[in-house]
Amino acid sequence: MLITAGVTLVAQRWERTWLGDWDDRTLATIERGPMSFSNAILFESPGNLIYVIPLLLCVVIVAARYRQPVFAVTIVVSWLLARTLVYWGWHLWDRPRPQVIAGGVAAPPLHSFPSGHMVLSLSVYGLLVWAWCRASGSWVERVIAILVGIAWCAVLGYARVRLGTHWPSDVIGGAIIGLPWVAVMVWALRAVDNPPPCPPCATVSSPADAVT
């Protein structure tokens, strides 16, 4: 919550000086780039509810099948609580969506900063990448998993900007918020996998010591 507040308030302050102009120029450059409007609709889709909810359901079923209930609960909670971070940022700054591309036809009447797609996608796909790395014994495969995850979320964010649903800084802000959130979830899962020793158990070596 503190990171979200800090990033949002700093971006709001910079928007009045140089960030607004940078967003305008970058958005125009992306519009002229290689990704078409129709392709952007395809590439941004994995961040939509119609894709994420069935994906989460499949992950929960597979995790339950392999007796990983903690991971199943964590990835759902990660996605749900990440929405709180997005709403908190929206509450702090009612930034309007861009109306530059296609007259803003793809821009919903919601707050713009931070990008909810980016925060929520990282909260799900980031944990899936971590699970892939944890299950793999090859460092090469782990590097591939991380690169695939980065590319996946980067293309998704790029597509959101190409559609005109977000300013470029919205997506960057979402990444700055989403990555620490994934780190918190990974830390929590690692703490469950390797719980610290019980302090009384660590100091008692025998029943006689316990009596003493």
N, C-alpha and C. Protein backbone atom coordinates (compact mmCIF):
# COMPACT_ATOMS: atom_id res chain seq x y z
N MET A 1 0.83 -1.21 0.00
CA MET A 1 0.00 0.00 0.00
C MET A 1 0.86 1.26 0.00
N LEU A 2 1.96 1.22 0.76
CA LEU A 2 2.86 2.37 0.79
C LEU A 2 3.54 2.58 -0.56
N ILE A 3 3.98 1.48 -1.18
CA ILE A 3 4.60 1.59 -2.50
C ILE A 3 3.60 2.14 -3.51
N THR A 4 2.37 1.65 -3.46
CA THR A 4 1.33 2.13 -4.38
C THR A 4 1.10 3.62 -4.18
N ALA A 5 0.99 4.05 -2.93
CA ALA A 5 0.78 5.46 -2.66
C ALA A 5 1.95 6.30 -3.14
N GLY A 6 3.18 5.83 -2.87
CA GLY A 6 4.35 6.59 -3.29
C GLY A 6 4.46 6.72 -4.78
N VAL A 7 4.29 5.60 -5.49
CA VAL A 7 4.39 5.62 -6.96
C VAL A 7 3.30 6.49 -7.56
N THR A 8 2.09 6.38 -7.04
CA THR A 8 0.96 7.15 -7.59
C THR A 8 1.14 8.64 -7.37
N LEU A 9 1.52 9.03 -6.17
CA LEU A 9 1.66 10.46 -5.88
C LEU A 9 2.84 11.08 -6.63
N VAL A 10 3.92 10.32 -6.77
CA VAL A 10 5.07 10.83 -7.53
C VAL A 10 4.69 10.99 -9.00
N ALA A 11 4.01 9.98 -9.56
CA ALA A 11 3.60 10.08 -10.97
C ALA A 11 2.62 11.24 -11.17
N GLN A 12 1.74 11.45 -10.22
CA GLN A 12 0.79 12.56 -10.32
C GLN A 12 1.52 13.91 -10.34
N ARG A 13 2.55 14.00 -9.52
CA ARG A 13 3.33 15.26 -9.48
C ARG A 13 4.12 15.45 -10.77
N TRP A 14 4.74 14.37 -11.26
CA TRP A 14 5.53 14.47 -12.49
C TRP A 14 4.66 14.71 -13.71
N GLU A 15 3.40 14.26 -13.65
CA GLU A 15 2.52 14.42 -14.80
C GLU A 15 2.30 15.89 -15.13
N ARG A 16 2.42 16.73 -14.12
CA ARG A 16 2.22 18.17 -14.34
C ARG A 16 3.45 18.83 -14.95
N THR A 17 4.59 18.14 -14.92
CA THR A 17 5.82 18.73 -15.46
C THR A 17 6.21 18.06 -16.76
N TRP A 18 6.89 16.92 -16.69
CA TRP A 18 7.42 16.29 -17.91
C TRP A 18 6.72 14.99 -18.29
N LEU A 19 6.09 14.30 -17.32
CA LEU A 19 5.55 12.97 -17.60
C LEU A 19 4.40 13.02 -18.60
N GLY A 20 3.57 14.05 -18.52
CA GLY A 20 2.45 14.15 -19.46
C GLY A 20 2.92 14.25 -20.90
N ASP A 21 3.92 15.08 -21.15
CA ASP A 21 4.46 15.20 -22.51
C ASP A 21 5.10 13.90 -22.96
N TRP A 22 5.82 13.25 -22.06
CA TRP A 22 6.46 11.97 -22.41
C TRP A 22 5.41 10.93 -22.78
N ASP A 23 4.32 10.88 -22.01
CA ASP A 23 3.24 9.94 -22.32
C ASP A 23 2.65 10.21 -23.71
N ASP A 24 2.43 11.47 -24.01
CA ASP A 24 1.87 11.82 -25.32
C ASP A 24 2.78 11.36 -26.46
N ARG A 25 4.07 11.65 -26.33
CA ARG A 25 5.01 11.27 -27.39
C ARG A 25 5.13 9.76 -27.52
N THR A 26 5.23 9.08 -26.39
CA THR A 26 5.39 7.62 -26.42
C THR A 26 4.15 6.94 -26.95
N LEU A 27 2.99 7.43 -26.57
CA LEU A 27 1.75 6.84 -27.07
C LEU A 27 1.65 7.01 -28.58
N ALA A 28 2.04 8.16 -29.10
CA ALA A 28 2.01 8.37 -30.55
C ALA A 28 2.99 7.46 -31.26
N THR A 29 4.16 7.24 -30.65
CA THR A 29 5.15 6.34 -31.24
C THR A 29 4.65 4.91 -31.28
N ILE A 30 4.02 4.46 -30.19
CA ILE A 30 3.50 3.10 -30.13
C ILE A 30 2.36 2.91 -31.13
N GLU A 31 1.56 3.95 -31.32
CA GLU A 31 0.46 3.85 -32.29
C GLU A 31 0.99 3.62 -33.70
N ARG A 32 2.15 4.19 -33.99
CA ARG A 32 2.76 4.02 -35.32
C ARG A 32 3.61 2.76 -35.41
N GLY A 33 3.70 2.00 -34.33
CA GLY A 33 4.57 0.83 -34.26
C GLY A 33 4.03 -0.36 -35.04
N PRO A 34 4.69 -1.51 -34.86
CA PRO A 34 4.34 -2.69 -35.67
C PRO A 34 3.06 -3.39 -35.25
N MET A 35 2.57 -3.16 -34.03
CA MET A 35 1.38 -3.89 -33.56
C MET A 35 0.11 -3.16 -34.01
N SER A 36 -0.76 -3.88 -34.68
CA SER A 36 -2.01 -3.28 -35.14
C SER A 36 -3.02 -3.24 -34.00
N PHE A 37 -4.10 -2.49 -34.22
CA PHE A 37 -5.15 -2.38 -33.20
C PHE A 37 -5.79 -3.74 -32.94
N SER A 38 -6.06 -4.50 -34.00
CA SER A 38 -6.70 -5.82 -33.83
C SER A 38 -5.78 -6.80 -33.12
N ASN A 39 -4.48 -6.76 -33.43
CA ASN A 39 -3.54 -7.64 -32.73
C ASN A 39 -3.40 -7.24 -31.26
N ALA A 40 -3.51 -5.95 -30.99
CA ALA A 40 -3.44 -5.50 -29.60
C ALA A 40 -4.59 -6.07 -28.78
N ILE A 41 -5.77 -6.18 -29.39
CA ILE A 41 -6.90 -6.79 -28.70
C ILE A 41 -6.59 -8.23 -28.33
N LEU A 42 -5.92 -8.95 -29.23
CA LEU A 42 -5.55 -10.34 -28.98
C LEU A 42 -4.52 -10.44 -27.86
N PHE A 43 -3.48 -9.60 -27.91
CA PHE A 43 -2.38 -9.74 -26.96
C PHE A 43 -2.72 -9.22 -25.56
N GLU A 44 -3.70 -8.33 -25.44
CA GLU A 44 -4.04 -7.84 -24.11
C GLU A 44 -5.07 -8.75 -23.43
N SER A 45 -5.65 -9.67 -24.18
CA SER A 45 -6.72 -10.52 -23.66
C SER A 45 -6.33 -11.38 -22.46
N PRO A 46 -5.09 -11.93 -22.38
CA PRO A 46 -4.75 -12.76 -21.21
C PRO A 46 -4.86 -12.05 -19.87
N GLY A 47 -4.99 -10.73 -19.87
CA GLY A 47 -5.16 -10.01 -18.62
C GLY A 47 -6.61 -9.75 -18.27
N ASN A 48 -7.54 -10.13 -19.15
CA ASN A 48 -8.96 -9.90 -18.92
C ASN A 48 -9.57 -10.96 -18.01
N LEU A 49 -10.67 -10.60 -17.37
CA LEU A 49 -11.33 -11.53 -16.46
C LEU A 49 -11.76 -12.81 -17.16
N ILE A 50 -12.18 -12.70 -18.41
CA ILE A 50 -12.69 -13.86 -19.13
C ILE A 50 -11.61 -14.91 -19.34
N TYR A 51 -10.33 -14.50 -19.24
CA TYR A 51 -9.21 -15.43 -19.37
C TYR A 51 -8.65 -15.79 -17.99
N VAL A 52 -8.51 -14.79 -17.12
CA VAL A 52 -7.83 -15.01 -15.85
C VAL A 52 -8.64 -15.92 -14.93
N ILE A 53 -9.94 -15.72 -14.86
CA ILE A 53 -10.76 -16.54 -13.94
C ILE A 53 -10.73 -18.02 -14.33
N PRO A 54 -10.93 -18.41 -15.61
CA PRO A 54 -10.77 -19.83 -15.95
C PRO A 54 -9.36 -20.34 -15.69
N LEU A 55 -8.35 -19.47 -15.92
CA LEU A 55 -6.97 -19.89 -15.65
C LEU A 55 -6.78 -20.18 -14.17
N LEU A 56 -7.28 -19.30 -13.32
CA LEU A 56 -7.16 -19.53 -11.88
C LEU A 56 -7.89 -20.81 -11.47
N LEU A 57 -9.03 -21.06 -12.06
CA LEU A 57 -9.77 -22.28 -11.75
C LEU A 57 -8.96 -23.51 -12.12
N CYS A 58 -8.32 -23.48 -13.30
CA CYS A 58 -7.48 -24.61 -13.72
C CYS A 58 -6.29 -24.78 -12.79
N VAL A 59 -5.67 -23.67 -12.39
CA VAL A 59 -4.51 -23.74 -11.49
C VAL A 59 -4.92 -24.35 -10.15
N VAL A 60 -6.07 -23.94 -9.63
CA VAL A 60 -6.55 -24.48 -8.36
C VAL A 60 -6.80 -25.98 -8.46
N ILE A 61 -7.40 -26.42 -9.57
CA ILE A 61 -7.68 -27.85 -9.75
C ILE A 61 -6.38 -28.65 -9.83
N VAL A 62 -5.43 -28.16 -10.63
CA VAL A 62 -4.15 -28.87 -10.77
C VAL A 62 -3.39 -28.88 -9.46
N ALA A 63 -3.37 -27.73 -8.76
CA ALA A 63 -2.67 -27.67 -7.47
C ALA A 63 -3.29 -28.61 -6.46
N ALA A 64 -4.61 -28.69 -6.44
CA ALA A 64 -5.28 -29.61 -5.52
C ALA A 64 -4.97 -31.06 -5.90
N ARG A 65 -4.90 -31.32 -7.20
CA ARG A 65 -4.59 -32.68 -7.67
C ARG A 65 -3.22 -33.12 -7.20
N TYR A 66 -2.26 -32.19 -7.16
CA TYR A 66 -0.91 -32.51 -6.73
C TYR A 66 -0.65 -32.13 -5.28
N ARG A 67 -1.73 -31.96 -4.52
CA ARG A 67 -1.67 -31.72 -3.08
C ARG A 67 -0.82 -30.49 -2.74
N GLN A 68 -1.16 -29.40 -3.42
CA GLN A 68 -0.52 -28.11 -3.16
C GLN A 68 -1.60 -27.08 -2.81
N PRO A 69 -2.33 -27.32 -1.72
CA PRO A 69 -3.45 -26.42 -1.40
C PRO A 69 -3.00 -25.00 -1.05
N VAL A 70 -1.81 -24.88 -0.46
CA VAL A 70 -1.34 -23.54 -0.08
C VAL A 70 -1.10 -22.68 -1.32
N PHE A 71 -0.49 -23.28 -2.35
CA PHE A 71 -0.26 -22.52 -3.58
C PHE A 71 -1.59 -22.17 -4.24
N ALA A 72 -2.54 -23.10 -4.23
CA ALA A 72 -3.84 -22.85 -4.84
C ALA A 72 -4.53 -21.66 -4.17
N VAL A 73 -4.49 -21.63 -2.85
CA VAL A 73 -5.12 -20.52 -2.13
C VAL A 73 -4.34 -19.23 -2.35
N THR A 74 -3.02 -19.32 -2.35
CA THR A 74 -2.18 -18.13 -2.44
C THR A 74 -2.36 -17.40 -3.77
N ILE A 75 -2.43 -18.13 -4.87
CA ILE A 75 -2.52 -17.47 -6.17
C ILE A 75 -3.88 -16.78 -6.33
N VAL A 76 -4.92 -17.36 -5.74
CA VAL A 76 -6.24 -16.71 -5.78
C VAL A 76 -6.24 -15.47 -4.89
N VAL A 77 -5.68 -15.61 -3.68
CA VAL A 77 -5.61 -14.47 -2.77
C VAL A 77 -4.73 -13.36 -3.35
N SER A 78 -3.64 -13.76 -4.01
CA SER A 78 -2.75 -12.78 -4.63
C SER A 78 -3.51 -11.94 -5.65
N TRP A 79 -4.31 -12.58 -6.46
CA TRP A 79 -5.08 -11.85 -7.48
C TRP A 79 -6.14 -10.97 -6.85
N LEU A 80 -6.82 -11.48 -5.83
CA LEU A 80 -7.89 -10.71 -5.20
C LEU A 80 -7.34 -9.49 -4.46
N LEU A 81 -6.28 -9.68 -3.68
CA LEU A 81 -5.74 -8.57 -2.91
C LEU A 81 -5.01 -7.56 -3.79
N ALA A 82 -4.49 -8.01 -4.93
CA ALA A 82 -3.85 -7.06 -5.86
C ALA A 82 -4.86 -6.04 -6.37
N ARG A 83 -6.12 -6.42 -6.43
CA ARG A 83 -7.16 -5.47 -6.84
C ARG A 83 -7.27 -4.32 -5.83
N THR A 84 -7.00 -4.64 -4.56
CA THR A 84 -7.03 -3.59 -3.54
C THR A 84 -5.96 -2.54 -3.81
N LEU A 85 -4.78 -3.01 -4.24
CA LEU A 85 -3.71 -2.06 -4.57
C LEU A 85 -4.11 -1.16 -5.73
N VAL A 86 -4.75 -1.74 -6.73
CA VAL A 86 -5.18 -0.96 -7.89
C VAL A 86 -6.23 0.08 -7.47
N TYR A 87 -7.21 -0.35 -6.69
CA TYR A 87 -8.26 0.58 -6.26
C TYR A 87 -7.69 1.69 -5.38
N TRP A 88 -6.69 1.36 -4.59
CA TRP A 88 -6.05 2.36 -3.75
C TRP A 88 -5.37 3.43 -4.61
N GLY A 89 -4.67 2.99 -5.65
CA GLY A 89 -4.05 3.94 -6.57
C GLY A 89 -5.08 4.80 -7.28
N TRP A 90 -6.18 4.17 -7.70
CA TRP A 90 -7.24 4.93 -8.36
C TRP A 90 -7.87 5.94 -7.41
N HIS A 91 -7.98 5.57 -6.14
CA HIS A 91 -8.56 6.49 -5.16
C HIS A 91 -7.67 7.72 -4.98
N LEU A 92 -6.36 7.51 -5.03
CA LEU A 92 -5.44 8.61 -4.81
C LEU A 92 -5.35 9.55 -6.01
N TRP A 93 -5.60 9.01 -7.21
CA TRP A 93 -5.44 9.84 -8.41
C TRP A 93 -6.48 9.45 -9.44
N ASP A 94 -7.41 10.33 -9.69
CA ASP A 94 -8.44 10.11 -10.71
C ASP A 94 -7.92 10.58 -12.06
N ARG A 95 -6.96 9.84 -12.59
CA ARG A 95 -6.37 10.22 -13.87
C ARG A 95 -7.25 9.76 -15.01
N PRO A 96 -7.57 10.63 -15.95
CA PRO A 96 -8.42 10.23 -17.08
C PRO A 96 -7.66 9.33 -18.05
N ARG A 97 -8.40 8.45 -18.69
CA ARG A 97 -7.82 7.58 -19.71
C ARG A 97 -7.51 8.39 -20.97
N PRO A 98 -6.55 7.93 -21.77
CA PRO A 98 -6.24 8.64 -23.02
C PRO A 98 -7.39 8.52 -24.02
N GLN A 99 -7.58 9.56 -24.79
CA GLN A 99 -8.60 9.58 -25.84
C GLN A 99 -7.95 9.79 -27.20
N VAL A 100 -6.70 9.40 -27.31
CA VAL A 100 -5.92 9.70 -28.51
C VAL A 100 -6.15 8.67 -29.61
N ILE A 101 -6.11 7.39 -29.25
CA ILE A 101 -6.19 6.32 -30.24
C ILE A 101 -7.65 5.93 -30.48
N ALA A 102 -8.07 6.00 -31.71
CA ALA A 102 -9.43 5.62 -32.12
C ALA A 102 -10.48 6.35 -31.29
N GLY A 103 -10.20 7.58 -30.93
CA GLY A 103 -11.15 8.38 -30.17
C GLY A 103 -11.45 7.84 -28.79
N GLY A 104 -10.54 7.00 -28.26
CA GLY A 104 -10.74 6.44 -26.93
C GLY A 104 -11.79 5.36 -26.89
N VAL A 105 -12.05 4.69 -28.02
CA VAL A 105 -13.10 3.68 -28.07
C VAL A 105 -12.79 2.49 -27.16
N ALA A 106 -11.51 2.19 -26.93
CA ALA A 106 -11.13 1.05 -26.09
C ALA A 106 -10.84 1.46 -24.65
N ALA A 107 -11.00 2.74 -24.34
CA ALA A 107 -10.69 3.23 -23.00
C ALA A 107 -11.94 3.24 -22.15
N PRO A 108 -12.02 2.39 -21.11
CA PRO A 108 -13.21 2.37 -20.27
C PRO A 108 -13.27 3.61 -19.39
N PRO A 109 -14.45 3.96 -18.89
CA PRO A 109 -14.59 5.15 -18.04
C PRO A 109 -14.13 4.89 -16.61
N LEU A 110 -12.89 4.51 -16.47
CA LEU A 110 -12.30 4.21 -15.17
C LEU A 110 -11.04 5.03 -14.98
N HIS A 111 -10.51 5.01 -13.77
CA HIS A 111 -9.24 5.66 -13.50
C HIS A 111 -8.14 4.99 -14.32
N SER A 112 -7.10 5.74 -14.60
CA SER A 112 -6.07 5.24 -15.51
C SER A 112 -4.82 4.73 -14.80
N PHE A 113 -4.45 5.36 -13.68
CA PHE A 113 -3.19 5.02 -13.01
C PHE A 113 -3.48 4.38 -11.65
N PRO A 114 -2.86 3.21 -11.39
CA PRO A 114 -1.99 2.41 -12.24
C PRO A 114 -2.79 1.48 -13.15
N SER A 115 -2.10 0.80 -14.04
CA SER A 115 -2.74 -0.16 -14.93
C SER A 115 -3.14 -1.40 -14.13
N GLY A 116 -4.44 -1.60 -13.99
CA GLY A 116 -4.90 -2.79 -13.27
C GLY A 116 -4.52 -4.06 -13.98
N HIS A 117 -4.53 -4.04 -15.32
CA HIS A 117 -4.13 -5.22 -16.08
C HIS A 117 -2.71 -5.65 -15.71
N MET A 118 -1.80 -4.68 -15.59
CA MET A 118 -0.42 -5.02 -15.31
C MET A 118 -0.27 -5.57 -13.89
N VAL A 119 -0.86 -4.90 -12.91
CA VAL A 119 -0.75 -5.36 -11.53
C VAL A 119 -1.35 -6.75 -11.36
N LEU A 120 -2.54 -6.96 -11.90
CA LEU A 120 -3.23 -8.23 -11.73
C LEU A 120 -2.55 -9.35 -12.52
N SER A 121 -2.04 -9.03 -13.71
CA SER A 121 -1.35 -10.05 -14.50
C SER A 121 -0.08 -10.51 -13.79
N LEU A 122 0.67 -9.57 -13.24
CA LEU A 122 1.87 -9.94 -12.50
C LEU A 122 1.53 -10.78 -11.27
N SER A 123 0.41 -10.48 -10.63
CA SER A 123 0.04 -11.23 -9.43
C SER A 123 -0.27 -12.68 -9.73
N VAL A 124 -0.68 -12.97 -10.97
CA VAL A 124 -0.99 -14.35 -11.36
C VAL A 124 0.18 -14.99 -12.10
N TYR A 125 0.61 -14.38 -13.19
CA TYR A 125 1.65 -14.99 -14.01
C TYR A 125 3.00 -14.99 -13.31
N GLY A 126 3.22 -14.01 -12.43
CA GLY A 126 4.46 -14.01 -11.67
C GLY A 126 4.57 -15.23 -10.77
N LEU A 127 3.47 -15.59 -10.11
CA LEU A 127 3.48 -16.78 -9.25
C LEU A 127 3.58 -18.06 -10.07
N LEU A 128 2.98 -18.07 -11.26
CA LEU A 128 3.12 -19.25 -12.11
C LEU A 128 4.57 -19.44 -12.56
N VAL A 129 5.24 -18.34 -12.87
CA VAL A 129 6.66 -18.42 -13.23
C VAL A 129 7.47 -18.93 -12.05
N TRP A 130 7.18 -18.44 -10.85
CA TRP A 130 7.90 -18.92 -9.67
C TRP A 130 7.66 -20.41 -9.44
N ALA A 131 6.42 -20.87 -9.63
CA ALA A 131 6.13 -22.29 -9.46
C ALA A 131 6.88 -23.12 -10.50
N TRP A 132 7.00 -22.60 -11.70
CA TRP A 132 7.76 -23.28 -12.76
C TRP A 132 9.23 -23.38 -12.36
N CYS A 133 9.77 -22.29 -11.87
CA CYS A 133 11.18 -22.29 -11.46
C CYS A 133 11.41 -23.24 -10.28
N ARG A 134 10.48 -23.26 -9.34
CA ARG A 134 10.63 -24.13 -8.17
C ARG A 134 10.58 -25.60 -8.56
N ALA A 135 9.76 -25.92 -9.56
CA ALA A 135 9.61 -27.31 -9.96
C ALA A 135 10.75 -27.79 -10.86
N SER A 136 11.50 -26.86 -11.43
CA SER A 136 12.55 -27.23 -12.37
C SER A 136 13.89 -27.38 -11.65
N GLY A 137 14.66 -28.36 -12.07
CA GLY A 137 16.00 -28.55 -11.53
C GLY A 137 17.08 -28.00 -12.42
N SER A 138 16.70 -27.37 -13.53
CA SER A 138 17.65 -26.83 -14.50
C SER A 138 17.65 -25.31 -14.42
N TRP A 139 18.84 -24.73 -14.27
CA TRP A 139 18.93 -23.27 -14.21
C TRP A 139 18.60 -22.66 -15.57
N VAL A 140 18.88 -23.41 -16.65
CA VAL A 140 18.56 -22.93 -17.99
C VAL A 140 17.04 -22.80 -18.14
N GLU A 141 16.33 -23.81 -17.68
CA GLU A 141 14.87 -23.76 -17.75
C GLU A 141 14.32 -22.64 -16.88
N ARG A 142 14.95 -22.41 -15.75
CA ARG A 142 14.49 -21.31 -14.89
C ARG A 142 14.68 -19.96 -15.56
N VAL A 143 15.80 -19.78 -16.23
CA VAL A 143 16.04 -18.53 -16.95
C VAL A 143 15.00 -18.36 -18.06
N ILE A 144 14.72 -19.45 -18.77
CA ILE A 144 13.72 -19.41 -19.83
C ILE A 144 12.36 -19.04 -19.25
N ALA A 145 12.01 -19.62 -18.11
CA ALA A 145 10.72 -19.33 -17.47
C ALA A 145 10.61 -17.86 -17.12
N ILE A 146 11.67 -17.30 -16.56
CA ILE A 146 11.66 -15.89 -16.17
C ILE A 146 11.54 -14.99 -17.39
N LEU A 147 12.31 -15.32 -18.45
CA LEU A 147 12.25 -14.52 -19.67
C LEU A 147 10.88 -14.59 -20.33
N VAL A 148 10.28 -15.79 -20.32
CA VAL A 148 8.94 -15.95 -20.88
C VAL A 148 7.94 -15.11 -20.09
N GLY A 149 8.05 -15.14 -18.77
CA GLY A 149 7.14 -14.37 -17.93
C GLY A 149 7.28 -12.88 -18.17
N ILE A 150 8.52 -12.40 -18.27
CA ILE A 150 8.76 -10.98 -18.53
C ILE A 150 8.20 -10.58 -19.89
N ALA A 151 8.48 -11.39 -20.90
CA ALA A 151 8.00 -11.08 -22.25
C ALA A 151 6.48 -11.10 -22.31
N TRP A 152 5.89 -12.07 -21.64
CA TRP A 152 4.42 -12.20 -21.64
C TRP A 152 3.76 -10.95 -21.08
N CYS A 153 4.22 -10.50 -19.90
CA CYS A 153 3.63 -9.33 -19.26
C CYS A 153 3.98 -8.04 -20.01
N ALA A 154 5.18 -7.99 -20.60
CA ALA A 154 5.58 -6.80 -21.35
C ALA A 154 4.71 -6.63 -22.60
N VAL A 155 4.47 -7.71 -23.32
CA VAL A 155 3.63 -7.64 -24.52
C VAL A 155 2.20 -7.26 -24.13
N LEU A 156 1.73 -7.82 -23.03
CA LEU A 156 0.39 -7.50 -22.57
C LEU A 156 0.27 -6.00 -22.25
N GLY A 157 1.26 -5.47 -21.55
CA GLY A 157 1.24 -4.04 -21.23
C GLY A 157 1.36 -3.18 -22.46
N TYR A 158 2.22 -3.58 -23.39
CA TYR A 158 2.37 -2.85 -24.65
C TYR A 158 1.05 -2.81 -25.42
N ALA A 159 0.35 -3.93 -25.42
CA ALA A 159 -0.92 -4.00 -26.14
C ALA A 159 -1.96 -3.08 -25.51
N ARG A 160 -1.94 -2.96 -24.19
CA ARG A 160 -2.88 -2.06 -23.53
C ARG A 160 -2.64 -0.61 -23.96
N VAL A 161 -1.38 -0.25 -24.08
CA VAL A 161 -1.07 1.10 -24.52
C VAL A 161 -1.45 1.29 -25.99
N ARG A 162 -1.18 0.27 -26.80
CA ARG A 162 -1.51 0.35 -28.23
C ARG A 162 -3.01 0.53 -28.45
N LEU A 163 -3.82 -0.05 -27.61
CA LEU A 163 -5.26 0.12 -27.72
C LEU A 163 -5.71 1.50 -27.27
N GLY A 164 -4.85 2.19 -26.54
CA GLY A 164 -5.23 3.49 -26.01
C GLY A 164 -6.00 3.40 -24.72
N THR A 165 -5.95 2.24 -24.06
CA THR A 165 -6.66 2.09 -22.79
C THR A 165 -5.85 2.64 -21.61
N HIS A 166 -4.56 2.84 -21.81
CA HIS A 166 -3.69 3.37 -20.76
C HIS A 166 -2.61 4.25 -21.35
N TRP A 167 -2.12 5.18 -20.54
CA TRP A 167 -0.89 5.89 -20.86
C TRP A 167 0.28 4.96 -20.58
N PRO A 168 1.41 5.15 -21.26
CA PRO A 168 2.58 4.29 -20.99
C PRO A 168 3.01 4.30 -19.52
N SER A 169 2.94 5.45 -18.87
CA SER A 169 3.35 5.51 -17.46
C SER A 169 2.40 4.73 -16.56
N ASP A 170 1.15 4.53 -16.99
CA ASP A 170 0.23 3.70 -16.21
C ASP A 170 0.73 2.27 -16.12
N VAL A 171 1.20 1.77 -17.26
CA VAL A 171 1.70 0.39 -17.31
C VAL A 171 2.99 0.25 -16.51
N ILE A 172 3.88 1.23 -16.65
CA ILE A 172 5.13 1.20 -15.88
C ILE A 172 4.83 1.26 -14.39
N GLY A 173 3.92 2.14 -14.01
CA GLY A 173 3.53 2.22 -12.60
C GLY A 173 2.93 0.92 -12.10
N GLY A 174 2.12 0.27 -12.94
CA GLY A 174 1.56 -1.03 -12.55
C GLY A 174 2.63 -2.08 -12.33
N ALA A 175 3.68 -2.04 -13.16
CA ALA A 175 4.78 -3.00 -13.00
C ALA A 175 5.55 -2.72 -11.71
N ILE A 176 5.76 -1.45 -11.39
CA ILE A 176 6.48 -1.10 -10.17
C ILE A 176 5.70 -1.53 -8.93
N ILE A 177 4.39 -1.50 -9.03
CA ILE A 177 3.55 -1.95 -7.91
C ILE A 177 3.42 -3.47 -7.89
N GLY A 178 3.26 -4.07 -9.06
CA GLY A 178 3.01 -5.51 -9.13
C GLY A 178 4.20 -6.38 -8.77
N LEU A 179 5.40 -5.96 -9.14
CA LEU A 179 6.58 -6.79 -8.87
C LEU A 179 6.84 -6.97 -7.37
N PRO A 180 6.81 -5.90 -6.57
CA PRO A 180 6.97 -6.12 -5.12
C PRO A 180 5.85 -6.98 -4.53
N TRP A 181 4.65 -6.86 -5.09
CA TRP A 181 3.55 -7.68 -4.58
C TRP A 181 3.83 -9.17 -4.85
N VAL A 182 4.33 -9.48 -6.04
CA VAL A 182 4.70 -10.88 -6.33
C VAL A 182 5.80 -11.34 -5.39
N ALA A 183 6.76 -10.46 -5.11
CA ALA A 183 7.84 -10.81 -4.19
C ALA A 183 7.31 -11.13 -2.80
N VAL A 184 6.31 -10.39 -2.36
CA VAL A 184 5.69 -10.65 -1.05
C VAL A 184 5.02 -12.02 -1.04
N MET A 185 4.31 -12.34 -2.11
CA MET A 185 3.64 -13.64 -2.20
C MET A 185 4.65 -14.79 -2.24
N VAL A 186 5.73 -14.59 -2.98
CA VAL A 186 6.77 -15.63 -3.04
C VAL A 186 7.41 -15.80 -1.67
N TRP A 187 7.69 -14.70 -0.98
CA TRP A 187 8.25 -14.78 0.36
C TRP A 187 7.33 -15.56 1.29
N ALA A 188 6.01 -15.32 1.18
CA ALA A 188 5.05 -16.03 2.02
C ALA A 188 5.04 -17.52 1.72
N LEU A 189 5.09 -17.88 0.44
CA LEU A 189 5.11 -19.29 0.07
C LEU A 189 6.39 -19.98 0.54
N ARG A 190 7.52 -19.29 0.42
CA ARG A 190 8.78 -19.85 0.89
C ARG A 190 8.78 -20.01 2.40
N ALA A 191 8.14 -19.10 3.10
CA ALA A 191 8.05 -19.21 4.55
C ALA A 191 7.22 -20.43 4.96
N VAL A 192 6.20 -20.75 4.17
CA VAL A 192 5.39 -21.95 4.45
C VAL A 192 6.19 -23.21 4.16
N ASP A 193 6.96 -23.19 3.06
CA ASP A 193 7.77 -24.35 2.71
C ASP A 193 8.90 -24.60 3.70
N ASN A 194 9.46 -23.52 4.25
CA ASN A 194 10.57 -23.64 5.19
C ASN A 194 10.28 -22.82 6.44
N PRO A 195 9.38 -23.32 7.28
CA PRO A 195 9.01 -22.56 8.48
C PRO A 195 10.18 -22.48 9.45
N PRO A 196 10.30 -21.36 10.17
CA PRO A 196 11.36 -21.24 11.17
C PRO A 196 11.14 -22.22 12.31
N PRO A 197 12.20 -22.66 12.98
CA PRO A 197 12.04 -23.60 14.10
C PRO A 197 11.31 -22.94 15.26
N CYS A 198 10.56 -23.77 15.97
CA CYS A 198 9.86 -23.29 17.15
C CYS A 198 10.88 -22.92 18.21
N PRO A 199 10.88 -21.70 18.74
CA PRO A 199 11.89 -21.31 19.74
C PRO A 199 11.99 -22.24 20.93
N PRO A 200 10.85 -22.67 21.55
CA PRO A 200 11.00 -23.61 22.68
C PRO A 200 11.63 -24.93 22.25
N CYS A 201 11.25 -25.39 21.01
CA CYS A 201 11.80 -26.66 20.55
C CYS A 201 13.28 -26.53 20.27
N ALA A 202 13.73 -25.34 19.87
CA ALA A 202 15.13 -25.14 19.55
C ALA A 202 15.99 -25.13 20.80
N THR A 203 15.42 -24.79 21.95
CA THR A 203 16.23 -24.70 23.17
C THR A 203 16.11 -25.93 24.05
N VAL A 204 15.04 -26.74 23.85
CA VAL A 204 14.87 -27.94 24.66
C VAL A 204 15.49 -29.12 23.94
N SER A 205 16.43 -29.79 24.56
CA SER A 205 17.12 -30.91 23.92
C SER A 205 16.65 -32.25 24.43
N SER A 206 15.97 -32.31 25.56
CA SER A 206 15.55 -33.57 26.11
C SER A 206 14.35 -33.36 27.03
N PRO A 207 13.60 -34.43 27.37
CA PRO A 207 12.48 -34.29 28.29
C PRO A 207 12.93 -33.75 29.64
N ALA A 208 14.13 -34.15 30.08
CA ALA A 208 14.63 -33.65 31.36
C ALA A 208 14.83 -32.13 31.32
N ASP A 209 15.35 -31.64 30.17
CA ASP A 209 15.53 -30.19 30.02
C ASP A 209 14.16 -29.48 30.04
N ALA A 210 13.16 -30.16 29.42
CA ALA A 210 11.85 -29.53 29.40
C ALA A 210 11.29 -29.40 30.80
N VAL A 211 11.48 -30.45 31.64
CA VAL A 211 11.02 -30.39 33.01
C VAL A 211 11.73 -29.29 33.77
N THR A 212 13.06 -29.20 33.55
CA THR A 212 13.84 -28.18 34.22
C THR A 212 13.38 -26.80 33.83
